[in-house]
């Protein structure tokens, strides 16, 4: 009599070959085929990184980041969008976010913007949910604002930008970080 497994024996998560083939054992060839299919399916199941290392490029969880330091003194022209940092995303589905920093000397800032954009030196609109705007009393010195987290799903390699803009008097420089985590 063929070795069959009961439904109680399969609740541990193992797939019984008898269950796969409607309770009928097909001999060595069927068992070999089942074993190969099961191994192939398991190779596509990804549980993520569990050893505190970084996910490899192209894998779920891959982290991509680029920072422009404050010391770089990236000059800004008032009321003109400027790319602060950028990253290249390979085809896939990502969550992207950033933090934009502004440093003003000899004046003040009144309107600050930071956005995640797929166009160099172009702020995104409010409808894309990728823009943070800070308006209000004049700010002097330093100000840091985060962008919203946005989904970026690309089918070809695409550069994504952290774009910032400020209305100000005096001089203003920008710095910041853009990050992405692969979701798929």
N, C-alpha and C. Protein backbone atom coordinates (compact mmCIF):
# COMPACT_ATOMS: atom_id res chain seq x y z
N UNK A 1 0.84 -1.17 0.00
CA UNK A 1 0.00 0.00 0.00
C UNK A 1 0.88 1.23 0.00
N UNK A 2 0.47 2.23 -0.74
CA UNK A 2 1.25 3.46 -0.88
C UNK A 2 1.24 4.23 0.43
N UNK A 3 2.33 4.96 0.64
CA UNK A 3 2.45 5.81 1.83
C UNK A 3 1.62 7.06 1.62
N UNK A 4 0.53 7.20 2.36
CA UNK A 4 -0.31 8.40 2.24
C UNK A 4 -0.28 9.16 3.54
N UNK A 5 -0.57 10.46 3.45
CA UNK A 5 -0.56 11.31 4.63
C UNK A 5 -1.96 11.83 4.87
N UNK A 6 -2.30 11.94 6.12
CA UNK A 6 -3.62 12.45 6.46
C UNK A 6 -3.58 13.97 6.46
N UNK A 7 -4.76 14.58 6.46
CA UNK A 7 -4.82 16.04 6.49
C UNK A 7 -4.20 16.58 7.77
N UNK A 8 -4.25 15.83 8.86
CA UNK A 8 -3.63 16.28 10.10
C UNK A 8 -2.11 16.37 9.95
N UNK A 9 -1.55 15.47 9.13
CA UNK A 9 -0.10 15.48 8.93
C UNK A 9 0.33 16.63 8.01
N UNK A 10 -0.55 17.20 7.26
CA UNK A 10 -0.17 18.27 6.33
C UNK A 10 -0.39 19.65 6.92
N UNK A 11 -0.96 19.75 8.11
CA UNK A 11 -1.22 21.08 8.68
C UNK A 11 0.06 21.76 9.13
N UNK A 12 1.16 21.06 9.17
CA UNK A 12 2.42 21.68 9.59
C UNK A 12 2.98 22.58 8.49
N UNK A 13 2.37 22.62 7.34
CA UNK A 13 2.84 23.47 6.26
C UNK A 13 3.45 22.67 5.13
N UNK A 14 3.75 21.41 5.36
CA UNK A 14 4.31 20.58 4.30
C UNK A 14 3.21 20.20 3.32
N UNK A 15 3.57 20.10 2.07
CA UNK A 15 2.60 19.72 1.05
C UNK A 15 2.79 18.23 0.78
N UNK A 16 1.77 17.48 0.97
CA UNK A 16 1.86 16.04 0.74
C UNK A 16 1.62 15.75 -0.73
N UNK A 17 2.49 14.92 -1.31
CA UNK A 17 2.32 14.61 -2.73
C UNK A 17 1.02 13.86 -2.98
N UNK A 18 0.52 13.11 -2.02
CA UNK A 18 -0.76 12.43 -2.20
C UNK A 18 -1.88 13.45 -2.35
N UNK A 19 -1.79 14.54 -1.58
CA UNK A 19 -2.82 15.58 -1.67
C UNK A 19 -2.74 16.29 -3.02
N UNK A 20 -1.52 16.54 -3.52
CA UNK A 20 -1.32 17.25 -4.77
C UNK A 20 -1.94 16.50 -5.95
N UNK A 21 -1.86 15.19 -5.92
CA UNK A 21 -2.35 14.40 -7.04
C UNK A 21 -3.66 13.70 -6.72
N UNK A 22 -4.50 14.32 -5.90
CA UNK A 22 -5.83 13.80 -5.61
C UNK A 22 -5.83 12.51 -4.83
N UNK A 23 -4.82 12.28 -4.01
CA UNK A 23 -4.76 11.09 -3.17
C UNK A 23 -4.19 9.89 -3.87
N UNK A 24 -3.73 10.04 -5.10
CA UNK A 24 -3.19 8.90 -5.85
C UNK A 24 -1.69 9.06 -5.96
N UNK A 25 -0.95 8.04 -5.56
CA UNK A 25 0.50 8.05 -5.68
C UNK A 25 0.87 7.64 -7.10
N UNK A 26 1.78 8.35 -7.72
CA UNK A 26 2.14 8.06 -9.10
C UNK A 26 3.46 7.37 -9.26
N UNK A 27 4.04 6.87 -8.21
CA UNK A 27 5.30 6.18 -8.33
C UNK A 27 6.47 7.14 -8.31
N UNK A 28 7.65 6.64 -8.68
CA UNK A 28 8.91 7.38 -8.59
C UNK A 28 8.89 8.62 -9.47
N UNK A 29 8.41 8.53 -10.72
CA UNK A 29 8.42 9.69 -11.62
C UNK A 29 7.58 10.84 -11.10
N UNK A 30 6.40 10.54 -10.58
CA UNK A 30 5.54 11.59 -10.05
C UNK A 30 6.17 12.21 -8.81
N UNK A 31 6.75 11.36 -7.94
CA UNK A 31 7.40 11.89 -6.74
C UNK A 31 8.59 12.77 -7.11
N UNK A 32 9.36 12.38 -8.11
CA UNK A 32 10.49 13.20 -8.55
C UNK A 32 10.00 14.53 -9.10
N UNK A 33 8.96 14.50 -9.94
CA UNK A 33 8.40 15.72 -10.49
C UNK A 33 7.88 16.62 -9.39
N UNK A 34 7.15 16.04 -8.44
CA UNK A 34 6.63 16.83 -7.33
C UNK A 34 7.77 17.47 -6.54
N UNK A 35 8.80 16.70 -6.28
CA UNK A 35 9.94 17.22 -5.52
C UNK A 35 10.60 18.39 -6.25
N UNK A 36 10.74 18.28 -7.57
CA UNK A 36 11.35 19.36 -8.36
C UNK A 36 10.48 20.61 -8.35
N UNK A 37 9.16 20.43 -8.51
CA UNK A 37 8.24 21.57 -8.49
C UNK A 37 8.24 22.22 -7.12
N UNK A 38 8.21 21.43 -6.07
CA UNK A 38 8.21 21.96 -4.71
C UNK A 38 9.50 22.77 -4.46
N UNK A 39 10.65 22.27 -4.90
CA UNK A 39 11.91 22.98 -4.74
C UNK A 39 11.89 24.28 -5.52
N UNK A 40 11.37 24.25 -6.74
CA UNK A 40 11.30 25.47 -7.57
C UNK A 40 10.41 26.51 -6.91
N UNK A 41 9.25 26.09 -6.39
CA UNK A 41 8.34 27.03 -5.71
C UNK A 41 9.02 27.62 -4.48
N UNK A 42 9.70 26.79 -3.70
CA UNK A 42 10.36 27.28 -2.50
C UNK A 42 11.47 28.27 -2.84
N UNK A 43 12.12 28.11 -4.01
CA UNK A 43 13.18 29.04 -4.39
C UNK A 43 12.63 30.43 -4.72
N UNK A 44 11.34 30.52 -5.04
CA UNK A 44 10.73 31.81 -5.36
C UNK A 44 10.11 32.47 -4.13
N UNK A 45 9.95 31.74 -3.06
CA UNK A 45 9.41 32.31 -1.83
C UNK A 45 10.55 33.05 -1.15
N UNK A 46 10.34 34.34 -0.86
CA UNK A 46 11.39 35.14 -0.26
C UNK A 46 10.92 35.63 1.10
N UNK A 47 11.66 35.25 2.12
CA UNK A 47 11.25 35.60 3.47
C UNK A 47 11.92 36.88 3.96
N UNK A 48 12.85 37.43 3.23
CA UNK A 48 13.54 38.63 3.67
C UNK A 48 14.83 38.30 4.39
N UNK A 49 15.55 39.33 4.75
CA UNK A 49 16.83 39.18 5.43
C UNK A 49 16.56 39.01 6.92
N UNK A 50 17.17 37.98 7.51
CA UNK A 50 16.93 37.72 8.93
C UNK A 50 18.21 37.78 9.76
N UNK A 51 19.36 38.11 9.12
CA UNK A 51 20.62 38.10 9.85
C UNK A 51 21.23 39.49 10.03
N UNK A 52 20.41 40.53 9.88
CA UNK A 52 20.83 41.93 10.07
C UNK A 52 21.80 42.42 8.99
N UNK A 53 21.91 41.69 7.89
CA UNK A 53 22.72 42.16 6.77
C UNK A 53 21.81 42.96 5.82
N UNK A 54 22.40 43.47 4.75
CA UNK A 54 21.62 44.22 3.76
C UNK A 54 21.10 43.30 2.68
N UNK A 55 19.90 43.59 2.20
CA UNK A 55 19.35 42.82 1.08
C UNK A 55 20.17 43.13 -0.17
N UNK A 56 20.43 42.12 -0.96
CA UNK A 56 21.23 42.28 -2.18
C UNK A 56 20.46 43.09 -3.22
N UNK A 57 21.20 43.68 -4.14
CA UNK A 57 20.59 44.44 -5.23
C UNK A 57 19.58 43.56 -5.96
N UNK A 58 18.41 44.13 -6.23
CA UNK A 58 17.37 43.41 -6.95
C UNK A 58 16.47 42.57 -6.07
N UNK A 59 16.77 42.49 -4.78
CA UNK A 59 15.97 41.68 -3.86
C UNK A 59 15.02 42.57 -3.05
N UNK A 60 13.91 42.00 -2.63
CA UNK A 60 12.99 42.71 -1.77
C UNK A 60 13.75 43.18 -0.53
N UNK A 61 13.55 44.44 -0.16
CA UNK A 61 14.23 45.00 1.00
C UNK A 61 15.49 45.76 0.66
N UNK A 62 15.95 45.69 -0.59
CA UNK A 62 17.15 46.43 -0.99
C UNK A 62 16.99 47.90 -0.61
N UNK A 63 18.03 48.48 -0.01
CA UNK A 63 17.99 49.88 0.43
C UNK A 63 18.98 50.69 -0.40
N UNK A 64 18.50 51.80 -0.97
CA UNK A 64 19.32 52.67 -1.81
C UNK A 64 19.25 54.07 -1.21
N UNK A 65 20.38 54.73 -1.07
CA UNK A 65 20.39 56.06 -0.48
C UNK A 65 21.50 56.92 -1.09
N UNK A 66 21.28 58.22 -1.10
CA UNK A 66 22.30 59.16 -1.53
C UNK A 66 22.12 60.44 -0.72
N UNK A 67 23.23 60.97 -0.22
CA UNK A 67 23.19 62.15 0.63
C UNK A 67 24.07 63.25 0.06
N UNK A 68 23.57 64.46 0.07
CA UNK A 68 24.38 65.65 -0.20
C UNK A 68 24.59 66.32 1.15
N UNK A 69 25.83 66.40 1.57
CA UNK A 69 26.14 66.95 2.89
C UNK A 69 25.96 68.46 2.93
N UNK A 70 25.71 68.95 4.13
CA UNK A 70 25.57 70.39 4.33
C UNK A 70 26.84 71.10 3.88
N UNK A 71 27.98 70.51 4.12
CA UNK A 71 29.26 71.13 3.77
C UNK A 71 29.44 71.31 2.26
N UNK A 72 28.61 70.63 1.45
CA UNK A 72 28.72 70.77 -0.01
C UNK A 72 28.28 72.15 -0.47
N UNK A 73 27.50 72.85 0.35
CA UNK A 73 27.04 74.22 0.04
C UNK A 73 26.43 74.32 -1.36
N UNK A 74 25.44 73.47 -1.65
CA UNK A 74 24.75 73.50 -2.94
C UNK A 74 23.89 74.76 -3.00
N UNK A 75 24.29 75.69 -3.85
CA UNK A 75 23.63 77.00 -3.93
C UNK A 75 22.22 76.87 -4.50
N UNK A 76 21.35 77.73 -4.03
CA UNK A 76 19.96 77.76 -4.46
C UNK A 76 19.65 79.16 -4.96
N UNK A 77 18.86 79.25 -6.01
CA UNK A 77 18.35 80.53 -6.50
C UNK A 77 16.93 80.67 -5.98
N UNK A 78 16.57 81.83 -5.44
CA UNK A 78 15.26 82.00 -4.82
C UNK A 78 14.12 81.63 -5.77
N UNK A 79 13.15 80.90 -5.24
CA UNK A 79 11.94 80.48 -5.95
C UNK A 79 12.21 79.64 -7.19
N UNK A 80 13.35 78.93 -7.22
CA UNK A 80 13.71 78.08 -8.36
C UNK A 80 14.02 76.68 -7.86
N UNK A 81 13.33 75.65 -8.36
CA UNK A 81 13.59 74.28 -7.92
C UNK A 81 15.02 73.85 -8.27
N UNK A 82 15.62 73.06 -7.38
CA UNK A 82 16.99 72.58 -7.58
C UNK A 82 17.08 71.15 -7.06
N UNK A 83 17.69 70.26 -7.86
CA UNK A 83 17.93 68.89 -7.42
C UNK A 83 19.05 68.89 -6.39
N UNK A 84 18.78 68.24 -5.28
CA UNK A 84 19.76 68.15 -4.20
C UNK A 84 20.48 66.80 -4.25
N UNK A 85 19.74 65.72 -4.51
CA UNK A 85 20.31 64.37 -4.52
C UNK A 85 19.48 63.51 -5.47
N UNK A 86 20.08 62.43 -5.96
CA UNK A 86 19.34 61.53 -6.86
C UNK A 86 19.82 60.10 -6.68
N UNK A 87 18.95 59.16 -7.04
CA UNK A 87 19.28 57.75 -7.01
C UNK A 87 18.76 57.10 -8.29
N UNK A 88 19.42 56.04 -8.71
CA UNK A 88 19.00 55.29 -9.90
C UNK A 88 18.28 54.03 -9.43
N UNK A 89 17.02 53.89 -9.82
CA UNK A 89 16.23 52.71 -9.48
C UNK A 89 16.14 51.78 -10.67
N UNK A 90 16.48 50.52 -10.45
CA UNK A 90 16.33 49.51 -11.49
C UNK A 90 14.85 49.10 -11.52
N UNK A 91 14.41 48.42 -12.58
CA UNK A 91 12.99 48.05 -12.67
C UNK A 91 12.50 47.37 -11.39
N UNK A 92 11.34 47.84 -10.92
CA UNK A 92 10.76 47.28 -9.70
C UNK A 92 9.81 48.26 -9.05
N UNK A 93 9.36 47.90 -7.88
CA UNK A 93 8.41 48.68 -7.10
C UNK A 93 9.12 49.15 -5.83
N UNK A 94 9.13 50.46 -5.58
CA UNK A 94 9.89 51.03 -4.47
C UNK A 94 9.05 51.97 -3.63
N UNK A 95 9.44 52.12 -2.37
CA UNK A 95 8.96 53.19 -1.52
C UNK A 95 10.12 54.18 -1.42
N UNK A 96 9.86 55.45 -1.77
CA UNK A 96 10.91 56.46 -1.83
C UNK A 96 10.53 57.63 -0.93
N UNK A 97 11.53 58.17 -0.23
CA UNK A 97 11.31 59.33 0.64
C UNK A 97 12.63 60.08 0.80
N UNK A 98 12.53 61.28 1.34
CA UNK A 98 13.74 62.06 1.54
C UNK A 98 13.58 63.08 2.65
N UNK A 99 14.68 63.75 2.94
CA UNK A 99 14.71 64.83 3.91
C UNK A 99 15.52 65.96 3.29
N UNK A 100 14.91 67.13 3.22
CA UNK A 100 15.59 68.29 2.64
C UNK A 100 16.00 69.28 3.71
N UNK A 101 17.24 69.73 3.65
CA UNK A 101 17.74 70.71 4.60
C UNK A 101 18.03 72.03 3.89
N UNK A 102 17.77 73.12 4.59
CA UNK A 102 17.99 74.47 4.06
C UNK A 102 18.83 75.24 5.05
N UNK A 103 19.84 75.96 4.57
CA UNK A 103 20.70 76.76 5.42
C UNK A 103 20.74 78.18 4.88
N UNK A 104 20.26 79.13 5.69
CA UNK A 104 20.16 80.52 5.25
C UNK A 104 21.16 81.38 6.02
N UNK A 105 21.79 82.28 5.28
CA UNK A 105 22.70 83.22 5.91
C UNK A 105 22.38 84.63 5.47
N UNK A 106 22.32 85.55 6.42
CA UNK A 106 22.13 86.95 6.10
C UNK A 106 20.73 87.33 5.67
N UNK A 107 19.75 86.52 5.99
CA UNK A 107 18.38 86.84 5.60
C UNK A 107 17.41 85.88 6.24
N UNK A 108 16.33 85.58 5.51
CA UNK A 108 15.33 84.64 6.03
C UNK A 108 14.66 83.90 4.88
N UNK A 109 14.02 82.79 5.23
CA UNK A 109 13.31 81.96 4.25
C UNK A 109 11.83 81.99 4.60
N UNK A 110 10.96 82.06 3.57
CA UNK A 110 9.52 82.12 3.83
C UNK A 110 8.74 80.95 3.24
N UNK A 111 9.17 80.36 2.17
CA UNK A 111 8.48 79.22 1.57
C UNK A 111 9.49 78.14 1.26
N UNK A 112 9.33 76.97 1.87
CA UNK A 112 10.27 75.86 1.67
C UNK A 112 9.52 74.68 1.08
N UNK A 113 10.13 74.02 0.12
CA UNK A 113 9.52 72.88 -0.55
C UNK A 113 10.56 71.77 -0.68
N UNK A 114 10.12 70.53 -0.50
CA UNK A 114 10.95 69.36 -0.75
C UNK A 114 10.06 68.31 -1.39
N UNK A 115 10.53 67.71 -2.48
CA UNK A 115 9.69 66.72 -3.16
C UNK A 115 10.52 65.59 -3.75
N UNK A 116 9.85 64.47 -3.96
CA UNK A 116 10.41 63.35 -4.70
C UNK A 116 9.89 63.50 -6.13
N UNK A 117 10.81 63.53 -7.08
CA UNK A 117 10.42 63.80 -8.47
C UNK A 117 11.13 62.84 -9.41
N UNK A 118 10.50 62.58 -10.55
CA UNK A 118 11.16 61.79 -11.60
C UNK A 118 11.70 62.70 -12.69
N UNK A 119 11.75 64.01 -12.41
CA UNK A 119 12.31 64.98 -13.36
C UNK A 119 13.33 65.85 -12.63
N UNK A 120 14.49 66.02 -13.22
CA UNK A 120 15.57 66.81 -12.64
C UNK A 120 15.15 68.28 -12.52
N UNK A 121 15.36 68.87 -11.35
CA UNK A 121 15.07 70.28 -11.08
C UNK A 121 13.59 70.64 -11.25
N UNK A 122 12.69 69.70 -11.02
CA UNK A 122 11.25 69.95 -11.15
C UNK A 122 10.54 69.46 -9.88
N UNK A 123 9.83 70.39 -9.21
CA UNK A 123 9.01 69.98 -8.07
C UNK A 123 7.79 69.24 -8.56
N UNK A 124 7.35 68.24 -7.81
CA UNK A 124 6.10 67.56 -8.14
C UNK A 124 4.95 68.39 -7.60
N UNK A 125 3.76 68.14 -8.11
CA UNK A 125 2.58 68.86 -7.64
C UNK A 125 1.97 68.19 -6.43
N UNK A 126 1.03 68.88 -5.80
CA UNK A 126 0.37 68.33 -4.63
C UNK A 126 -0.44 67.08 -4.97
N UNK A 127 -0.92 66.98 -6.20
CA UNK A 127 -1.73 65.83 -6.58
C UNK A 127 -0.94 64.53 -6.57
N UNK A 128 0.39 64.59 -6.64
CA UNK A 128 1.19 63.37 -6.62
C UNK A 128 1.50 62.91 -5.20
N UNK A 129 1.17 63.71 -4.21
CA UNK A 129 1.43 63.41 -2.79
C UNK A 129 2.92 63.25 -2.51
N UNK A 130 3.77 63.84 -3.33
CA UNK A 130 5.21 63.70 -3.15
C UNK A 130 5.88 65.02 -2.75
N UNK A 131 5.10 65.99 -2.31
CA UNK A 131 5.61 67.33 -2.03
C UNK A 131 5.25 67.75 -0.61
N UNK A 132 6.25 68.30 0.09
CA UNK A 132 6.00 68.91 1.39
C UNK A 132 6.26 70.40 1.25
N UNK A 133 5.37 71.19 1.76
CA UNK A 133 5.48 72.65 1.67
C UNK A 133 5.41 73.23 3.07
N UNK A 134 6.31 74.16 3.36
CA UNK A 134 6.29 74.85 4.64
C UNK A 134 6.21 76.33 4.37
N UNK A 135 5.12 76.95 4.78
CA UNK A 135 4.94 78.38 4.64
C UNK A 135 4.65 78.95 6.01
N UNK A 136 4.97 80.19 6.19
CA UNK A 136 4.66 80.79 7.47
C UNK A 136 5.63 81.90 7.80
N UNK A 137 5.83 82.12 9.09
CA UNK A 137 6.74 83.19 9.47
C UNK A 137 8.14 82.92 8.92
N UNK A 138 8.86 83.96 8.68
CA UNK A 138 10.21 83.85 8.14
C UNK A 138 11.09 83.00 9.06
N UNK A 139 11.87 82.11 8.44
CA UNK A 139 12.79 81.24 9.16
C UNK A 139 14.20 81.73 8.89
N UNK A 140 15.01 81.79 9.93
CA UNK A 140 16.42 82.13 9.76
C UNK A 140 17.26 80.94 10.18
N UNK A 141 18.45 80.84 9.64
CA UNK A 141 19.35 79.74 10.02
C UNK A 141 19.06 78.47 9.27
N UNK A 142 18.74 77.40 10.01
CA UNK A 142 18.55 76.06 9.44
C UNK A 142 17.11 75.60 9.53
N UNK A 143 16.69 74.84 8.52
CA UNK A 143 15.37 74.22 8.55
C UNK A 143 15.46 72.90 7.79
N UNK A 144 14.88 71.85 8.37
CA UNK A 144 14.87 70.53 7.74
C UNK A 144 13.43 70.09 7.61
N UNK A 145 13.03 69.65 6.40
CA UNK A 145 11.66 69.14 6.20
C UNK A 145 11.70 67.80 5.47
N UNK A 146 10.86 66.88 5.89
CA UNK A 146 10.79 65.57 5.21
C UNK A 146 9.84 65.62 4.03
N UNK A 147 10.06 64.73 3.08
CA UNK A 147 9.08 64.55 2.00
C UNK A 147 8.13 63.43 2.44
N UNK A 148 6.98 63.36 1.82
CA UNK A 148 6.12 62.18 2.06
C UNK A 148 6.79 60.93 1.47
N UNK A 149 6.39 59.78 1.96
CA UNK A 149 6.83 58.51 1.35
C UNK A 149 5.91 58.26 0.16
N UNK A 150 6.51 57.94 -0.98
CA UNK A 150 5.73 57.71 -2.19
C UNK A 150 6.12 56.39 -2.84
N UNK A 151 5.18 55.82 -3.56
CA UNK A 151 5.45 54.60 -4.32
C UNK A 151 5.98 55.02 -5.69
N UNK A 152 7.08 54.40 -6.09
CA UNK A 152 7.63 54.60 -7.42
C UNK A 152 7.76 53.21 -8.04
N UNK A 153 7.00 52.96 -9.09
CA UNK A 153 6.98 51.67 -9.76
C UNK A 153 7.49 51.89 -11.18
N UNK A 154 8.66 51.32 -11.50
CA UNK A 154 9.29 51.58 -12.80
C UNK A 154 9.58 50.29 -13.54
N UNK A 155 9.45 50.34 -14.87
CA UNK A 155 9.71 49.16 -15.69
C UNK A 155 11.07 49.24 -16.39
N UNK A 156 11.72 50.39 -16.34
CA UNK A 156 13.08 50.57 -16.87
C UNK A 156 13.87 51.34 -15.82
N UNK A 157 15.20 51.28 -15.90
CA UNK A 157 16.04 52.02 -14.96
C UNK A 157 15.65 53.51 -15.01
N UNK A 158 15.38 54.08 -13.84
CA UNK A 158 14.87 55.45 -13.75
C UNK A 158 15.57 56.20 -12.62
N UNK A 159 15.98 57.43 -12.90
CA UNK A 159 16.55 58.27 -11.85
C UNK A 159 15.43 59.00 -11.14
N UNK A 160 15.50 59.01 -9.82
CA UNK A 160 14.52 59.70 -8.98
C UNK A 160 15.29 60.75 -8.19
N UNK A 161 14.67 61.93 -8.03
CA UNK A 161 15.37 63.09 -7.48
C UNK A 161 14.71 63.62 -6.21
N UNK A 162 15.55 64.14 -5.30
CA UNK A 162 15.09 64.97 -4.19
C UNK A 162 15.26 66.40 -4.68
N UNK A 163 14.14 67.10 -4.88
CA UNK A 163 14.16 68.46 -5.42
C UNK A 163 13.67 69.41 -4.32
N UNK A 164 14.39 70.54 -4.18
CA UNK A 164 14.05 71.50 -3.14
C UNK A 164 13.92 72.90 -3.74
N UNK A 165 13.17 73.73 -3.04
CA UNK A 165 12.98 75.12 -3.47
C UNK A 165 12.73 75.97 -2.23
N UNK A 166 13.19 77.21 -2.26
CA UNK A 166 12.93 78.14 -1.16
C UNK A 166 12.76 79.55 -1.70
N UNK A 167 11.91 80.31 -1.04
CA UNK A 167 11.81 81.75 -1.27
C UNK A 167 12.55 82.38 -0.11
N UNK A 168 13.51 83.25 -0.40
CA UNK A 168 14.36 83.74 0.68
C UNK A 168 15.02 85.07 0.35
N UNK A 169 15.58 85.67 1.37
CA UNK A 169 16.48 86.81 1.23
C UNK A 169 17.83 86.36 1.77
N UNK A 170 18.89 87.04 1.41
CA UNK A 170 20.22 86.62 1.82
C UNK A 170 20.70 85.51 0.90
N UNK A 171 21.36 84.51 1.46
CA UNK A 171 21.83 83.35 0.68
C UNK A 171 21.28 82.09 1.31
N UNK A 172 20.97 81.11 0.47
CA UNK A 172 20.47 79.82 0.98
C UNK A 172 21.14 78.70 0.22
N UNK A 173 21.59 77.69 0.95
CA UNK A 173 22.13 76.47 0.36
C UNK A 173 21.25 75.31 0.81
N UNK A 174 21.33 74.21 0.07
CA UNK A 174 20.52 73.03 0.39
C UNK A 174 21.39 71.82 0.60
N UNK A 175 20.85 70.87 1.35
CA UNK A 175 21.47 69.57 1.57
C UNK A 175 20.34 68.59 1.84
N UNK A 176 20.63 67.31 1.76
CA UNK A 176 19.56 66.36 2.02
C UNK A 176 19.91 64.94 1.66
N UNK A 177 18.94 64.07 1.89
CA UNK A 177 19.10 62.63 1.64
C UNK A 177 17.86 62.11 0.94
N UNK A 178 18.06 61.24 -0.05
CA UNK A 178 16.95 60.53 -0.69
C UNK A 178 17.18 59.04 -0.45
N UNK A 179 16.10 58.34 -0.11
CA UNK A 179 16.16 56.91 0.20
C UNK A 179 15.11 56.15 -0.57
N UNK A 180 15.40 54.89 -0.85
CA UNK A 180 14.42 54.00 -1.48
C UNK A 180 14.57 52.60 -0.89
N UNK A 181 13.45 51.93 -0.72
CA UNK A 181 13.45 50.54 -0.29
C UNK A 181 12.62 49.76 -1.30
N UNK A 182 13.24 48.70 -1.87
CA UNK A 182 12.55 47.87 -2.86
C UNK A 182 11.43 47.08 -2.18
N UNK A 183 10.23 47.21 -2.72
CA UNK A 183 9.08 46.50 -2.18
C UNK A 183 8.76 45.25 -2.99
N UNK A 184 9.21 45.21 -4.24
CA UNK A 184 8.92 44.07 -5.10
C UNK A 184 9.93 44.01 -6.20
